[in-house]
Amino acid sequence: MKEEKIYMLNALWFKPNGGEQRYREYLQAAGPLTAALGAKFLEGYKPEQALIGEWNPDMFFVVEWPNKLAFEQLIHNPEYNKIRHLREEALEKSLLIQCQKI
């Protein structure tokens, strides 16, 4: 049985004074690693205003993964772990939510 695709919602709050730029460095370094595992960046957004409820990340986006195993391979990849610090240095707060398409 083929595993289903998963979707990762990433919501990001950047550190002041360079967090967004640092995160872009992380994306550039991580891009080839995620692409090699079949991940696809679907869409990214910069929220303007929460009309109902509280939602104030600086950016959010969705990444499609072929399956959960592919995502797990990324986080255990030694090459990824060499660049992971860029993400941590860039972000004040983040949410990573695994989703299914409905």
N, C-alpha and C. Protein backbone atom coordinates (compact mmCIF):
# COMPACT_ATOMS: atom_id res chain seq x y z
N MET A 1 0.84 -1.19 0.00
CA MET A 1 0.00 0.00 0.00
C MET A 1 0.88 1.26 0.00
N LYS A 2 0.62 2.16 -0.91
CA LYS A 2 1.40 3.39 -1.03
C LYS A 2 0.99 4.37 0.06
N GLU A 3 1.98 4.96 0.73
CA GLU A 3 1.69 5.96 1.75
C GLU A 3 1.16 7.22 1.09
N GLU A 4 0.28 7.91 1.79
CA GLU A 4 -0.30 9.14 1.27
C GLU A 4 0.65 10.32 1.45
N LYS A 5 0.46 11.28 0.58
CA LYS A 5 1.21 12.52 0.71
C LYS A 5 0.83 13.19 2.02
N ILE A 6 1.76 13.96 2.56
CA ILE A 6 1.46 14.78 3.72
C ILE A 6 1.79 16.23 3.36
N TYR A 7 1.19 17.12 4.08
CA TYR A 7 1.37 18.55 3.86
C TYR A 7 1.81 19.17 5.17
N MET A 8 2.86 19.95 5.12
CA MET A 8 3.38 20.60 6.32
C MET A 8 3.10 22.10 6.23
N LEU A 9 2.31 22.56 7.17
CA LEU A 9 2.07 23.99 7.30
C LEU A 9 3.16 24.55 8.20
N ASN A 10 3.90 25.50 7.70
CA ASN A 10 4.98 26.16 8.43
C ASN A 10 4.56 27.60 8.71
N ALA A 11 4.43 27.98 9.97
CA ALA A 11 4.16 29.36 10.35
C ALA A 11 5.39 29.87 11.09
N LEU A 12 5.87 31.05 10.69
CA LEU A 12 7.16 31.54 11.18
C LEU A 12 7.06 32.95 11.74
N TRP A 13 7.75 33.15 12.84
CA TRP A 13 7.93 34.46 13.45
C TRP A 13 9.43 34.70 13.49
N PHE A 14 9.90 35.69 12.74
CA PHE A 14 11.33 35.94 12.62
C PHE A 14 11.88 36.72 13.81
N LYS A 15 13.13 36.45 14.13
CA LYS A 15 13.83 37.27 15.11
C LYS A 15 14.05 38.65 14.49
N PRO A 16 14.03 39.70 15.33
CA PRO A 16 14.29 41.03 14.79
C PRO A 16 15.73 41.15 14.29
N ASN A 17 15.96 42.13 13.47
CA ASN A 17 17.32 42.44 13.00
C ASN A 17 17.99 41.30 12.24
N GLY A 18 17.35 40.86 11.17
CA GLY A 18 18.01 39.91 10.29
C GLY A 18 17.45 38.50 10.28
N GLY A 19 16.42 38.23 11.06
CA GLY A 19 15.86 36.88 11.08
C GLY A 19 15.31 36.42 9.75
N GLU A 20 14.63 37.32 9.06
CA GLU A 20 14.06 36.93 7.76
C GLU A 20 15.17 36.61 6.76
N GLN A 21 16.20 37.41 6.72
CA GLN A 21 17.33 37.15 5.81
C GLN A 21 18.01 35.83 6.15
N ARG A 22 18.18 35.58 7.44
CA ARG A 22 18.81 34.32 7.88
C ARG A 22 17.96 33.14 7.45
N TYR A 23 16.63 33.28 7.55
CA TYR A 23 15.74 32.20 7.15
C TYR A 23 15.84 31.96 5.64
N ARG A 24 16.00 33.00 4.87
CA ARG A 24 16.16 32.83 3.42
C ARG A 24 17.46 32.07 3.11
N GLU A 25 18.50 32.29 3.90
CA GLU A 25 19.74 31.51 3.75
C GLU A 25 19.46 30.04 4.04
N TYR A 26 18.66 29.79 5.08
CA TYR A 26 18.29 28.41 5.43
C TYR A 26 17.51 27.77 4.27
N LEU A 27 16.54 28.49 3.71
CA LEU A 27 15.76 27.94 2.60
C LEU A 27 16.63 27.60 1.41
N GLN A 28 17.58 28.47 1.12
CA GLN A 28 18.48 28.22 -0.02
C GLN A 28 19.32 26.96 0.22
N ALA A 29 19.79 26.77 1.44
CA ALA A 29 20.60 25.60 1.77
C ALA A 29 19.76 24.33 1.86
N ALA A 30 18.53 24.44 2.38
CA ALA A 30 17.69 23.26 2.58
C ALA A 30 16.95 22.85 1.30
N GLY A 31 16.78 23.77 0.38
CA GLY A 31 16.01 23.49 -0.84
C GLY A 31 16.45 22.25 -1.60
N PRO A 32 17.73 22.12 -1.92
CA PRO A 32 18.16 20.92 -2.65
C PRO A 32 17.94 19.62 -1.86
N LEU A 33 18.08 19.69 -0.55
CA LEU A 33 17.88 18.49 0.27
C LEU A 33 16.42 18.07 0.28
N THR A 34 15.51 19.03 0.40
CA THR A 34 14.09 18.69 0.41
C THR A 34 13.63 18.24 -0.98
N ALA A 35 14.12 18.89 -2.02
CA ALA A 35 13.74 18.52 -3.39
C ALA A 35 14.19 17.10 -3.71
N ALA A 36 15.37 16.72 -3.24
CA ALA A 36 15.88 15.36 -3.49
C ALA A 36 14.99 14.30 -2.87
N LEU A 37 14.23 14.68 -1.85
CA LEU A 37 13.33 13.74 -1.19
C LEU A 37 11.90 13.83 -1.74
N GLY A 38 11.71 14.66 -2.75
CA GLY A 38 10.40 14.77 -3.39
C GLY A 38 9.49 15.83 -2.81
N ALA A 39 9.99 16.68 -1.92
CA ALA A 39 9.15 17.73 -1.34
C ALA A 39 8.94 18.86 -2.34
N LYS A 40 7.76 19.47 -2.27
CA LYS A 40 7.42 20.58 -3.17
C LYS A 40 6.84 21.73 -2.35
N PHE A 41 7.43 22.90 -2.51
CA PHE A 41 6.89 24.12 -1.91
C PHE A 41 5.64 24.48 -2.69
N LEU A 42 4.49 24.57 -2.02
CA LEU A 42 3.25 24.84 -2.74
C LEU A 42 2.97 26.33 -2.83
N GLU A 43 2.79 26.98 -1.73
CA GLU A 43 2.51 28.40 -1.74
C GLU A 43 2.96 29.01 -0.43
N GLY A 44 3.34 30.28 -0.49
CA GLY A 44 3.72 31.01 0.71
C GLY A 44 2.92 32.29 0.81
N TYR A 45 2.72 32.74 2.03
CA TYR A 45 1.92 33.93 2.27
C TYR A 45 2.51 34.78 3.38
N LYS A 46 2.23 36.08 3.31
CA LYS A 46 2.55 37.01 4.37
C LYS A 46 1.20 37.54 4.87
N PRO A 47 0.77 37.13 6.06
CA PRO A 47 -0.54 37.57 6.56
C PRO A 47 -0.61 39.09 6.68
N GLU A 48 -1.77 39.63 6.37
CA GLU A 48 -1.98 41.07 6.49
C GLU A 48 -2.77 41.44 7.74
N GLN A 49 -3.85 40.69 8.00
CA GLN A 49 -4.69 41.02 9.13
C GLN A 49 -5.54 39.82 9.51
N ALA A 50 -5.57 39.49 10.80
CA ALA A 50 -6.47 38.45 11.29
C ALA A 50 -7.83 39.07 11.53
N LEU A 51 -8.85 38.55 10.86
CA LEU A 51 -10.19 39.11 11.00
C LEU A 51 -10.97 38.44 12.13
N ILE A 52 -10.70 37.17 12.35
CA ILE A 52 -11.31 36.43 13.46
C ILE A 52 -10.20 35.63 14.11
N GLY A 53 -10.06 35.73 15.40
CA GLY A 53 -9.02 34.99 16.12
C GLY A 53 -7.67 35.69 16.03
N GLU A 54 -6.69 35.04 16.62
CA GLU A 54 -5.34 35.59 16.64
C GLU A 54 -4.43 34.78 15.72
N TRP A 55 -3.80 35.46 14.81
CA TRP A 55 -2.89 34.82 13.85
C TRP A 55 -1.96 35.90 13.33
N ASN A 56 -0.72 35.86 13.76
CA ASN A 56 0.19 36.94 13.39
C ASN A 56 1.60 36.50 13.01
N PRO A 57 1.76 35.36 12.32
CA PRO A 57 3.12 35.03 11.90
C PRO A 57 3.62 36.02 10.85
N ASP A 58 4.92 36.08 10.70
CA ASP A 58 5.51 36.92 9.66
C ASP A 58 5.34 36.30 8.28
N MET A 59 5.27 34.98 8.24
CA MET A 59 5.15 34.25 6.98
C MET A 59 4.58 32.86 7.30
N PHE A 60 3.84 32.31 6.34
CA PHE A 60 3.50 30.89 6.44
C PHE A 60 3.44 30.31 5.04
N PHE A 61 3.70 29.00 4.98
CA PHE A 61 3.70 28.31 3.69
C PHE A 61 3.40 26.85 3.90
N VAL A 62 3.11 26.18 2.79
CA VAL A 62 2.79 24.75 2.82
C VAL A 62 3.79 24.02 1.92
N VAL A 63 4.29 22.89 2.43
CA VAL A 63 5.18 22.02 1.67
C VAL A 63 4.50 20.65 1.54
N GLU A 64 4.45 20.14 0.32
CA GLU A 64 3.91 18.80 0.06
C GLU A 64 5.05 17.80 0.09
N TRP A 65 4.90 16.76 0.89
CA TRP A 65 5.87 15.67 0.97
C TRP A 65 5.25 14.41 0.39
N PRO A 66 6.03 13.58 -0.30
CA PRO A 66 5.47 12.36 -0.89
C PRO A 66 4.88 11.42 0.17
N ASN A 67 5.45 11.45 1.38
CA ASN A 67 4.97 10.64 2.50
C ASN A 67 5.73 11.08 3.76
N LYS A 68 5.31 10.56 4.88
CA LYS A 68 5.93 10.96 6.15
C LYS A 68 7.37 10.47 6.24
N LEU A 69 7.66 9.34 5.66
CA LEU A 69 9.03 8.81 5.67
C LEU A 69 10.01 9.79 5.02
N ALA A 70 9.61 10.41 3.93
CA ALA A 70 10.50 11.37 3.25
C ALA A 70 10.83 12.53 4.19
N PHE A 71 9.83 13.03 4.91
CA PHE A 71 10.08 14.11 5.86
C PHE A 71 11.03 13.64 6.97
N GLU A 72 10.81 12.46 7.48
CA GLU A 72 11.67 11.91 8.54
C GLU A 72 13.10 11.72 8.04
N GLN A 73 13.25 11.35 6.78
CA GLN A 73 14.60 11.21 6.21
C GLN A 73 15.33 12.55 6.21
N LEU A 74 14.59 13.63 5.97
CA LEU A 74 15.22 14.95 6.00
C LEU A 74 15.75 15.26 7.39
N ILE A 75 14.92 15.12 8.40
CA ILE A 75 15.34 15.55 9.73
C ILE A 75 16.44 14.67 10.33
N HIS A 76 16.67 13.51 9.74
CA HIS A 76 17.76 12.65 10.20
C HIS A 76 18.97 12.68 9.27
N ASN A 77 18.90 13.49 8.24
CA ASN A 77 19.98 13.60 7.26
C ASN A 77 21.15 14.40 7.85
N PRO A 78 22.36 13.85 7.86
CA PRO A 78 23.51 14.58 8.41
C PRO A 78 23.77 15.91 7.70
N GLU A 79 23.52 15.98 6.41
CA GLU A 79 23.71 17.24 5.68
C GLU A 79 22.70 18.29 6.15
N TYR A 80 21.48 17.85 6.41
CA TYR A 80 20.47 18.78 6.93
C TYR A 80 20.86 19.27 8.33
N ASN A 81 21.34 18.37 9.13
CA ASN A 81 21.70 18.76 10.50
C ASN A 81 22.85 19.77 10.54
N LYS A 82 23.64 19.84 9.47
CA LYS A 82 24.70 20.84 9.40
C LYS A 82 24.14 22.24 9.17
N ILE A 83 22.96 22.35 8.59
CA ILE A 83 22.39 23.67 8.29
C ILE A 83 21.20 24.02 9.18
N ARG A 84 20.75 23.10 9.97
CA ARG A 84 19.58 23.31 10.84
C ARG A 84 19.74 24.57 11.70
N HIS A 85 20.96 24.87 12.10
CA HIS A 85 21.21 26.03 12.96
C HIS A 85 20.74 27.33 12.31
N LEU A 86 20.76 27.41 10.98
CA LEU A 86 20.31 28.62 10.30
C LEU A 86 18.84 28.90 10.61
N ARG A 87 18.05 27.85 10.63
CA ARG A 87 16.62 27.99 10.96
C ARG A 87 16.46 28.46 12.39
N GLU A 88 17.17 27.83 13.29
CA GLU A 88 17.06 28.18 14.70
C GLU A 88 17.53 29.61 14.96
N GLU A 89 18.56 30.05 14.25
CA GLU A 89 19.08 31.41 14.42
C GLU A 89 18.11 32.45 13.86
N ALA A 90 17.27 32.06 12.92
CA ALA A 90 16.37 32.99 12.24
C ALA A 90 15.04 33.20 12.97
N LEU A 91 14.61 32.21 13.73
CA LEU A 91 13.23 32.22 14.22
C LEU A 91 13.11 32.47 15.71
N GLU A 92 12.16 33.33 16.02
CA GLU A 92 11.78 33.57 17.40
C GLU A 92 10.79 32.50 17.84
N LYS A 93 9.93 32.10 16.89
CA LYS A 93 8.87 31.12 17.17
C LYS A 93 8.46 30.49 15.84
N SER A 94 8.01 29.24 15.90
CA SER A 94 7.51 28.59 14.69
C SER A 94 6.48 27.53 15.05
N LEU A 95 5.64 27.23 14.09
CA LEU A 95 4.70 26.11 14.17
C LEU A 95 4.91 25.25 12.94
N LEU A 96 4.95 23.97 13.12
CA LEU A 96 5.02 23.02 12.01
C LEU A 96 3.88 22.05 12.24
N ILE A 97 2.91 22.06 11.34
CA ILE A 97 1.70 21.26 11.52
C ILE A 97 1.54 20.31 10.35
N GLN A 98 1.52 19.01 10.65
CA GLN A 98 1.29 18.02 9.60
C GLN A 98 -0.20 17.99 9.28
N CYS A 99 -0.51 18.05 7.98
CA CYS A 99 -1.90 18.12 7.52
C CYS A 99 -2.17 17.06 6.46
N GLN A 100 -3.44 16.77 6.27
CA GLN A 100 -3.89 15.94 5.15
C GLN A 100 -4.76 16.80 4.26
N LYS A 101 -4.73 16.51 2.98
CA LYS A 101 -5.59 17.22 2.04
C LYS A 101 -7.01 16.69 2.18
N ILE A 102 -7.98 17.59 2.13
CA ILE A 102 -9.38 17.14 2.24
C ILE A 102 -10.11 17.42 0.96
